[in-house]
Amino acid sequence: MKFNTQRIILYFTIFVGIVARFLQYFSNRGLWMDEASLALGVINPTVPFLNHYLISSR
């Protein structure tokens, strides 16, 4: 059986990416300021919140 080096490197890279993503997800990290304000705006939308993001997106 012939081993394809490129395929092994591809599978290894995908595996490392999946493991890194799971470690980051399960580390229970806090939200950054922009993520936290967006989460609060989705949960409890207000007119000033929406107005701020509409103005700043221009």
N, C-alpha and C. Protein backbone atom coordinates (compact mmCIF):
# COMPACT_ATOMS: atom_id res chain seq x y z
N MET A 1 0.85 -1.19 0.00
CA MET A 1 0.00 0.00 0.00
C MET A 1 0.88 1.24 0.00
N LYS A 2 0.63 2.09 -0.95
CA LYS A 2 1.45 3.30 -1.10
C LYS A 2 0.87 4.43 -0.25
N PHE A 3 1.74 5.07 0.53
CA PHE A 3 1.32 6.21 1.35
C PHE A 3 1.51 7.49 0.54
N ASN A 4 0.47 8.27 0.50
CA ASN A 4 0.53 9.55 -0.19
C ASN A 4 0.86 10.62 0.84
N THR A 5 2.03 11.20 0.75
CA THR A 5 2.51 12.17 1.73
C THR A 5 1.61 13.40 1.80
N GLN A 6 1.14 13.87 0.68
CA GLN A 6 0.27 15.04 0.67
C GLN A 6 -1.04 14.77 1.38
N ARG A 7 -1.58 13.56 1.20
CA ARG A 7 -2.84 13.20 1.85
C ARG A 7 -2.64 13.09 3.36
N ILE A 8 -1.52 12.55 3.80
CA ILE A 8 -1.23 12.45 5.23
C ILE A 8 -1.10 13.83 5.84
N ILE A 9 -0.41 14.74 5.15
CA ILE A 9 -0.24 16.10 5.64
C ILE A 9 -1.60 16.80 5.70
N LEU A 10 -2.44 16.60 4.70
CA LEU A 10 -3.77 17.19 4.68
C LEU A 10 -4.60 16.72 5.87
N TYR A 11 -4.65 15.40 6.08
CA TYR A 11 -5.43 14.86 7.20
C TYR A 11 -4.88 15.32 8.54
N PHE A 12 -3.57 15.40 8.67
CA PHE A 12 -2.96 15.85 9.91
C PHE A 12 -3.31 17.32 10.18
N THR A 13 -3.25 18.15 9.14
CA THR A 13 -3.59 19.56 9.30
C THR A 13 -5.05 19.74 9.69
N ILE A 14 -5.94 18.98 9.06
CA ILE A 14 -7.35 19.06 9.42
C ILE A 14 -7.56 18.61 10.86
N PHE A 15 -6.90 17.54 11.25
CA PHE A 15 -7.02 17.03 12.62
C PHE A 15 -6.52 18.05 13.64
N VAL A 16 -5.39 18.67 13.38
CA VAL A 16 -4.85 19.68 14.29
C VAL A 16 -5.80 20.88 14.38
N GLY A 17 -6.39 21.28 13.26
CA GLY A 17 -7.34 22.38 13.27
C GLY A 17 -8.58 22.07 14.08
N ILE A 18 -9.09 20.85 13.95
CA ILE A 18 -10.27 20.45 14.73
C ILE A 18 -9.95 20.41 16.21
N VAL A 19 -8.81 19.85 16.57
CA VAL A 19 -8.41 19.78 17.98
C VAL A 19 -8.22 21.18 18.55
N ALA A 20 -7.59 22.07 17.80
CA ALA A 20 -7.39 23.44 18.27
C ALA A 20 -8.72 24.16 18.47
N ARG A 21 -9.65 23.93 17.56
CA ARG A 21 -10.97 24.57 17.68
C ARG A 21 -11.72 24.06 18.90
N PHE A 22 -11.67 22.75 19.15
CA PHE A 22 -12.33 22.19 20.33
C PHE A 22 -11.69 22.70 21.61
N LEU A 23 -10.37 22.81 21.63
CA LEU A 23 -9.70 23.33 22.83
C LEU A 23 -10.12 24.77 23.09
N GLN A 24 -10.21 25.57 22.06
CA GLN A 24 -10.64 26.96 22.22
C GLN A 24 -12.09 27.02 22.67
N TYR A 25 -12.94 26.16 22.12
CA TYR A 25 -14.35 26.18 22.47
C TYR A 25 -14.57 25.75 23.91
N PHE A 26 -13.88 24.71 24.35
CA PHE A 26 -14.09 24.17 25.69
C PHE A 26 -13.28 24.88 26.77
N SER A 27 -12.46 25.85 26.40
CA SER A 27 -11.69 26.59 27.40
C SER A 27 -12.55 27.63 28.11
N ASN A 28 -13.80 27.83 27.62
CA ASN A 28 -14.76 28.73 28.25
C ASN A 28 -14.21 30.16 28.34
N ARG A 29 -13.67 30.62 27.24
CA ARG A 29 -13.11 31.98 27.22
C ARG A 29 -14.22 33.01 27.23
N GLY A 30 -13.91 34.19 27.71
CA GLY A 30 -14.89 35.27 27.73
C GLY A 30 -15.03 35.91 26.37
N LEU A 31 -16.02 36.74 26.23
CA LEU A 31 -16.25 37.45 24.98
C LEU A 31 -15.44 38.74 24.94
N TRP A 32 -14.99 39.13 23.77
CA TRP A 32 -14.37 40.42 23.60
C TRP A 32 -15.45 41.48 23.63
N MET A 33 -15.06 42.73 23.72
CA MET A 33 -16.03 43.82 23.87
C MET A 33 -17.02 43.87 22.71
N ASP A 34 -16.55 43.75 21.47
CA ASP A 34 -17.47 43.82 20.34
C ASP A 34 -18.40 42.61 20.30
N GLU A 35 -17.91 41.43 20.67
CA GLU A 35 -18.75 40.25 20.72
C GLU A 35 -19.79 40.36 21.83
N ALA A 36 -19.37 40.90 22.97
CA ALA A 36 -20.29 41.04 24.10
C ALA A 36 -21.39 42.04 23.79
N SER A 37 -21.04 43.17 23.16
CA SER A 37 -22.08 44.15 22.84
C SER A 37 -23.02 43.63 21.77
N LEU A 38 -22.51 42.86 20.83
CA LEU A 38 -23.37 42.27 19.82
C LEU A 38 -24.30 41.24 20.44
N ALA A 39 -23.79 40.42 21.37
CA ALA A 39 -24.63 39.43 22.05
C ALA A 39 -25.73 40.11 22.87
N LEU A 40 -25.38 41.17 23.57
CA LEU A 40 -26.39 41.89 24.33
C LEU A 40 -27.42 42.54 23.42
N GLY A 41 -26.99 43.04 22.28
CA GLY A 41 -27.91 43.64 21.34
C GLY A 41 -28.86 42.63 20.72
N VAL A 42 -28.41 41.41 20.53
CA VAL A 42 -29.29 40.38 19.99
C VAL A 42 -30.31 39.95 21.03
N ILE A 43 -29.86 39.83 22.28
CA ILE A 43 -30.75 39.40 23.36
C ILE A 43 -31.75 40.50 23.71
N ASN A 44 -31.28 41.74 23.80
CA ASN A 44 -32.13 42.85 24.23
C ASN A 44 -31.91 44.03 23.29
N PRO A 45 -32.49 44.02 22.10
CA PRO A 45 -32.23 45.10 21.15
C PRO A 45 -32.89 46.41 21.58
N THR A 46 -32.15 47.49 21.44
CA THR A 46 -32.66 48.82 21.73
C THR A 46 -32.39 49.72 20.54
N VAL A 47 -33.09 50.81 20.48
CA VAL A 47 -32.91 51.74 19.36
C VAL A 47 -31.51 52.35 19.36
N PRO A 48 -30.96 52.83 20.50
CA PRO A 48 -29.60 53.38 20.46
C PRO A 48 -28.56 52.35 20.02
N PHE A 49 -28.73 51.09 20.44
CA PHE A 49 -27.79 50.04 20.04
C PHE A 49 -27.82 49.86 18.52
N LEU A 50 -29.02 49.74 17.97
CA LEU A 50 -29.14 49.55 16.53
C LEU A 50 -28.66 50.78 15.77
N ASN A 51 -28.95 51.96 16.28
CA ASN A 51 -28.52 53.20 15.65
C ASN A 51 -27.00 53.30 15.63
N HIS A 52 -26.34 52.89 16.71
CA HIS A 52 -24.87 52.94 16.78
C HIS A 52 -24.26 52.07 15.69
N TYR A 53 -24.78 50.86 15.51
CA TYR A 53 -24.20 49.97 14.52
C TYR A 53 -24.56 50.38 13.09
N LEU A 54 -25.70 51.01 12.91
CA LEU A 54 -26.02 51.50 11.58
C LEU A 54 -25.13 52.66 11.18
N ILE A 55 -24.85 53.54 12.12
CA ILE A 55 -23.99 54.70 11.84
C ILE A 55 -22.55 54.26 11.65
N SER A 56 -22.05 53.35 12.50
CA SER A 56 -20.65 52.95 12.45
C SER A 56 -20.35 52.04 11.26
N SER A 57 -21.38 51.47 10.63
CA SER A 57 -21.13 50.59 9.50
C SER A 57 -20.95 51.34 8.18
N ARG A 58 -21.12 52.64 8.18
CA ARG A 58 -20.98 53.43 6.96
C ARG A 58 -19.54 53.63 6.61
